[in-house]
């Protein structure tokens, strides 16, 4: 019985990514459709309170500052946004400014990591 309780606790604490991976496994291995798997896995989490319902799924990547390596940040902004060099420089000069809006958590974190590596200050909202 303790094993079932531990399994239930693990299911309740799954992230969205883990739920999607589990749904894929259930479909591939056991023939259970992902929608049914998501309901089965998310069902216990719904009783978990407001935290599960309030989980943010879309993020804005805000460039707060170009930092000390402004040229490297301008080049990276140009590459990431598809803007021209002049437009990318304007974005960096006008910081704080949104670079990308309503992107997934994974994409937002990847963009933030790249920009911070280039020397920029970045915020996710």
C-alpha atoms as a PDB file:
ATOM      1  CA  UNK A   1       0.000   0.000   0.000  1.00  0.00           C
ATOM      2  CA  UNK A   2       2.913   2.359   0.729  1.00  0.00           C
ATOM      3  CA  UNK A   3       4.161   1.839  -2.830  1.00  0.00           C
ATOM      4  CA  UNK A   4       0.805   2.998  -4.216  1.00  0.00           C
ATOM      5  CA  UNK A   5       0.892   6.107  -2.040  1.00  0.00           C
ATOM      6  CA  UNK A   6       4.413   6.904  -3.230  1.00  0.00           C
ATOM      7  CA  UNK A   7       3.356   6.388  -6.872  1.00  0.00           C
ATOM      8  CA  UNK A   8       0.356   8.682  -6.381  1.00  0.00           C
ATOM      9  CA  UNK A   9       2.606  11.387  -4.907  1.00  0.00           C
ATOM     10  CA  UNK A  10       4.988  11.109  -7.849  1.00  0.00           C
ATOM     11  CA  UNK A  11       2.122  11.383 -10.345  1.00  0.00           C
ATOM     12  CA  UNK A  12       0.736  14.468  -8.631  1.00  0.00           C
ATOM     13  CA  UNK A  13       4.118  16.198  -8.813  1.00  0.00           C
ATOM     14  CA  UNK A  14       4.809  15.537 -12.519  1.00  0.00           C
ATOM     15  CA  UNK A  15       5.674  18.504 -14.722  1.00  0.00           C
ATOM     16  CA  UNK A  16       3.829  19.128 -17.974  1.00  0.00           C
ATOM     17  CA  UNK A  17       6.808  17.766 -19.909  1.00  0.00           C
ATOM     18  CA  UNK A  18       6.837  14.589 -17.816  1.00  0.00           C
ATOM     19  CA  UNK A  19       3.072  14.141 -18.271  1.00  0.00           C
ATOM     20  CA  UNK A  20       3.537  14.412 -22.048  1.00  0.00           C
ATOM     21  CA  UNK A  21       6.376  11.870 -21.965  1.00  0.00           C
ATOM     22  CA  UNK A  22       4.250   9.530 -19.873  1.00  0.00           C
ATOM     23  CA  UNK A  23       1.353   9.924 -22.314  1.00  0.00           C
ATOM     24  CA  UNK A  24       3.685   8.947 -25.181  1.00  0.00           C
ATOM     25  CA  UNK A  25       4.870   5.863 -23.315  1.00  0.00           C
ATOM     26  CA  UNK A  26       1.309   4.825 -22.477  1.00  0.00           C
ATOM     27  CA  UNK A  27       0.310   5.176 -26.127  1.00  0.00           C
ATOM     28  CA  UNK A  28       3.344   3.402 -27.584  1.00  0.00           C
ATOM     29  CA  UNK A  29       3.657   0.634 -25.019  1.00  0.00           C
ATOM     30  CA  UNK A  30       0.062   0.002 -23.983  1.00  0.00           C
ATOM     31  CA  UNK A  31      -2.129   1.491 -26.732  1.00  0.00           C
ATOM     32  CA  UNK A  32      -3.734   4.069 -24.410  1.00  0.00           C
ATOM     33  CA  UNK A  33      -4.546   7.310 -26.252  1.00  0.00           C
ATOM     34  CA  UNK A  34      -2.711  10.427 -24.961  1.00  0.00           C
ATOM     35  CA  UNK A  35      -5.909  12.350 -24.124  1.00  0.00           C
ATOM     36  CA  UNK A  36      -7.085   9.544 -21.862  1.00  0.00           C
ATOM     37  CA  UNK A  37      -3.620   9.251 -20.324  1.00  0.00           C
ATOM     38  CA  UNK A  38      -3.424  12.980 -19.625  1.00  0.00           C
ATOM     39  CA  UNK A  39      -6.804  12.889 -17.902  1.00  0.00           C
ATOM     40  CA  UNK A  40      -5.802   9.837 -15.888  1.00  0.00           C
ATOM     41  CA  UNK A  41      -2.512  11.410 -14.806  1.00  0.00           C
ATOM     42  CA  UNK A  42      -3.807  14.959 -14.352  1.00  0.00           C
ATOM     43  CA  UNK A  43      -6.904  13.846 -12.454  1.00  0.00           C
ATOM     44  CA  UNK A  44      -5.203  13.544  -9.056  1.00  0.00           C
ATOM     45  CA  UNK A  45      -3.288  16.790  -9.608  1.00  0.00           C
ATOM     46  CA  UNK A  46      -6.508  18.748 -10.092  1.00  0.00           C
ATOM     47  CA  UNK A  47      -7.300  18.192  -6.421  1.00  0.00           C
ATOM     48  CA  UNK A  48      -3.867  19.540  -5.508  1.00  0.00           C
ATOM     49  CA  UNK A  49      -5.084  23.111  -5.211  1.00  0.00           C
ATOM     50  CA  UNK A  50      -4.527  26.398  -6.948  1.00  0.00           C
ATOM     51  CA  UNK A  51      -0.825  25.805  -7.636  1.00  0.00           C
ATOM     52  CA  UNK A  52      -1.496  23.233 -10.358  1.00  0.00           C
ATOM     53  CA  UNK A  53      -4.139  25.412 -12.000  1.00  0.00           C
ATOM     54  CA  UNK A  54      -1.942  28.525 -11.924  1.00  0.00           C
ATOM     55  CA  UNK A  55       1.111  26.996 -13.628  1.00  0.00           C
ATOM     56  CA  UNK A  56       2.291  29.371 -16.327  1.00  0.00           C
ATOM     57  CA  UNK A  57       2.672  27.881 -19.809  1.00  0.00           C
ATOM     58  CA  UNK A  58       3.607  30.929 -21.895  1.00  0.00           C
ATOM     59  CA  UNK A  59       6.474  33.273 -21.176  1.00  0.00           C
ATOM     60  CA  UNK A  60       7.792  36.588 -22.466  1.00  0.00           C
ATOM     61  CA  UNK A  61      11.550  36.932 -22.861  1.00  0.00           C
ATOM     62  CA  UNK A  62      12.481  40.465 -21.792  1.00  0.00           C
ATOM     63  CA  UNK A  63      15.912  41.887 -22.569  1.00  0.00           C
ATOM     64  CA  UNK A  64      16.689  44.056 -19.536  1.00  0.00           C
ATOM     65  CA  UNK A  65      20.151  45.189 -20.614  1.00  0.00           C
ATOM     66  CA  UNK A  66      22.732  44.519 -23.299  1.00  0.00           C
ATOM     67  CA  UNK A  67      25.406  44.210 -20.630  1.00  0.00           C
ATOM     68  CA  UNK A  68      29.121  44.753 -21.131  1.00  0.00           C
ATOM     69  CA  UNK A  69      29.296  42.698 -24.355  1.00  0.00           C
ATOM     70  CA  UNK A  70      26.731  44.758 -26.222  1.00  0.00           C
ATOM     71  CA  UNK A  71      28.022  43.833 -29.687  1.00  0.00           C
ATOM     72  CA  UNK A  72      27.761  40.106 -28.976  1.00  0.00           C
ATOM     73  CA  UNK A  73      24.233  40.611 -27.643  1.00  0.00           C
ATOM     74  CA  UNK A  74      23.212  42.618 -30.731  1.00  0.00           C
ATOM     75  CA  UNK A  75      24.507  39.836 -33.003  1.00  0.00           C
ATOM     76  CA  UNK A  76      22.653  37.200 -30.986  1.00  0.00           C
ATOM     77  CA  UNK A  77      19.420  39.233 -30.948  1.00  0.00           C
ATOM     78  CA  UNK A  78      19.730  39.549 -34.732  1.00  0.00           C
ATOM     79  CA  UNK A  79      20.176  35.791 -35.052  1.00  0.00           C
ATOM     80  CA  UNK A  80      17.384  34.836 -32.632  1.00  0.00           C
ATOM     81  CA  UNK A  81      14.761  37.274 -33.903  1.00  0.00           C
ATOM     82  CA  UNK A  82      15.535  37.417 -37.612  1.00  0.00           C
ATOM     83  CA  UNK A  83      15.832  41.204 -37.454  1.00  0.00           C
ATOM     84  CA  UNK A  84      18.347  43.196 -39.418  1.00  0.00           C
ATOM     85  CA  UNK A  85      21.492  44.470 -37.719  1.00  0.00           C
ATOM     86  CA  UNK A  86      20.119  48.007 -37.324  1.00  0.00           C
ATOM     87  CA  UNK A  87      16.828  46.759 -35.865  1.00  0.00           C
ATOM     88  CA  UNK A  88      18.612  44.349 -33.490  1.00  0.00           C
ATOM     89  CA  UNK A  89      20.848  47.177 -32.275  1.00  0.00           C
ATOM     90  CA  UNK A  90      17.754  49.335 -31.683  1.00  0.00           C
ATOM     91  CA  UNK A  91      16.170  46.560 -29.607  1.00  0.00           C
ATOM     92  CA  UNK A  92      19.270  46.293 -27.423  1.00  0.00           C
ATOM     93  CA  UNK A  93      19.566  50.093 -27.117  1.00  0.00           C
ATOM     94  CA  UNK A  94      15.889  50.384 -26.102  1.00  0.00           C
ATOM     95  CA  UNK A  95      16.130  47.755 -23.342  1.00  0.00           C
ATOM     96  CA  UNK A  96      14.157  46.767 -21.374  1.00  0.00           C
ATOM     97  CA  UNK A  97      12.263  45.349 -24.330  1.00  0.00           C
ATOM     98  CA  UNK A  98      10.432  42.116 -25.123  1.00  0.00           C
ATOM     99  CA  UNK A  99      12.355  39.927 -27.559  1.00  0.00           C
ATOM    100  CA  UNK A 100       9.864  37.071 -27.831  1.00  0.00           C
ATOM    101  CA  UNK A 101       6.364  36.842 -26.429  1.00  0.00           C
ATOM    102  CA  UNK A 102       4.179  33.888 -25.493  1.00  0.00           C
ATOM    103  CA  UNK A 103       6.804  31.195 -25.977  1.00  0.00           C
ATOM    104  CA  UNK A 104       7.015  27.855 -24.187  1.00  0.00           C
ATOM    105  CA  UNK A 105       8.954  27.531 -20.956  1.00  0.00           C
ATOM    106  CA  UNK A 106      11.661  25.420 -22.621  1.00  0.00           C
ATOM    107  CA  UNK A 107      12.134  27.921 -25.456  1.00  0.00           C
ATOM    108  CA  UNK A 108      12.144  30.880 -23.040  1.00  0.00           C
ATOM    109  CA  UNK A 109      14.759  29.253 -20.818  1.00  0.00           C
ATOM    110  CA  UNK A 110      16.919  28.367 -23.838  1.00  0.00           C
ATOM    111  CA  UNK A 111      16.762  31.944 -25.128  1.00  0.00           C
ATOM    112  CA  UNK A 112      17.563  33.300 -21.678  1.00  0.00           C
ATOM    113  CA  UNK A 113      20.582  31.010 -21.351  1.00  0.00           C
ATOM    114  CA  UNK A 114      21.944  32.018 -24.769  1.00  0.00           C
ATOM    115  CA  UNK A 115      21.473  35.718 -24.097  1.00  0.00           C
ATOM    116  CA  UNK A 116      23.013  35.550 -20.631  1.00  0.00           C
ATOM    117  CA  UNK A 117      25.977  33.646 -22.047  1.00  0.00           C
ATOM    118  CA  UNK A 118      26.483  36.545 -24.476  1.00  0.00           C
ATOM    119  CA  UNK A 119      26.444  38.961 -21.526  1.00  0.00           C
ATOM    120  CA  UNK A 120      22.850  40.244 -21.537  1.00  0.00           C
ATOM    121  CA  UNK A 121      20.524  40.615 -18.573  1.00  0.00           C
ATOM    122  CA  UNK A 122      17.272  38.768 -19.266  1.00  0.00           C
ATOM    123  CA  UNK A 123      13.994  38.341 -17.433  1.00  0.00           C
ATOM    124  CA  UNK A 124      11.202  35.834 -18.037  1.00  0.00           C
ATOM    125  CA  UNK A 125       7.643  36.931 -17.348  1.00  0.00           C
END
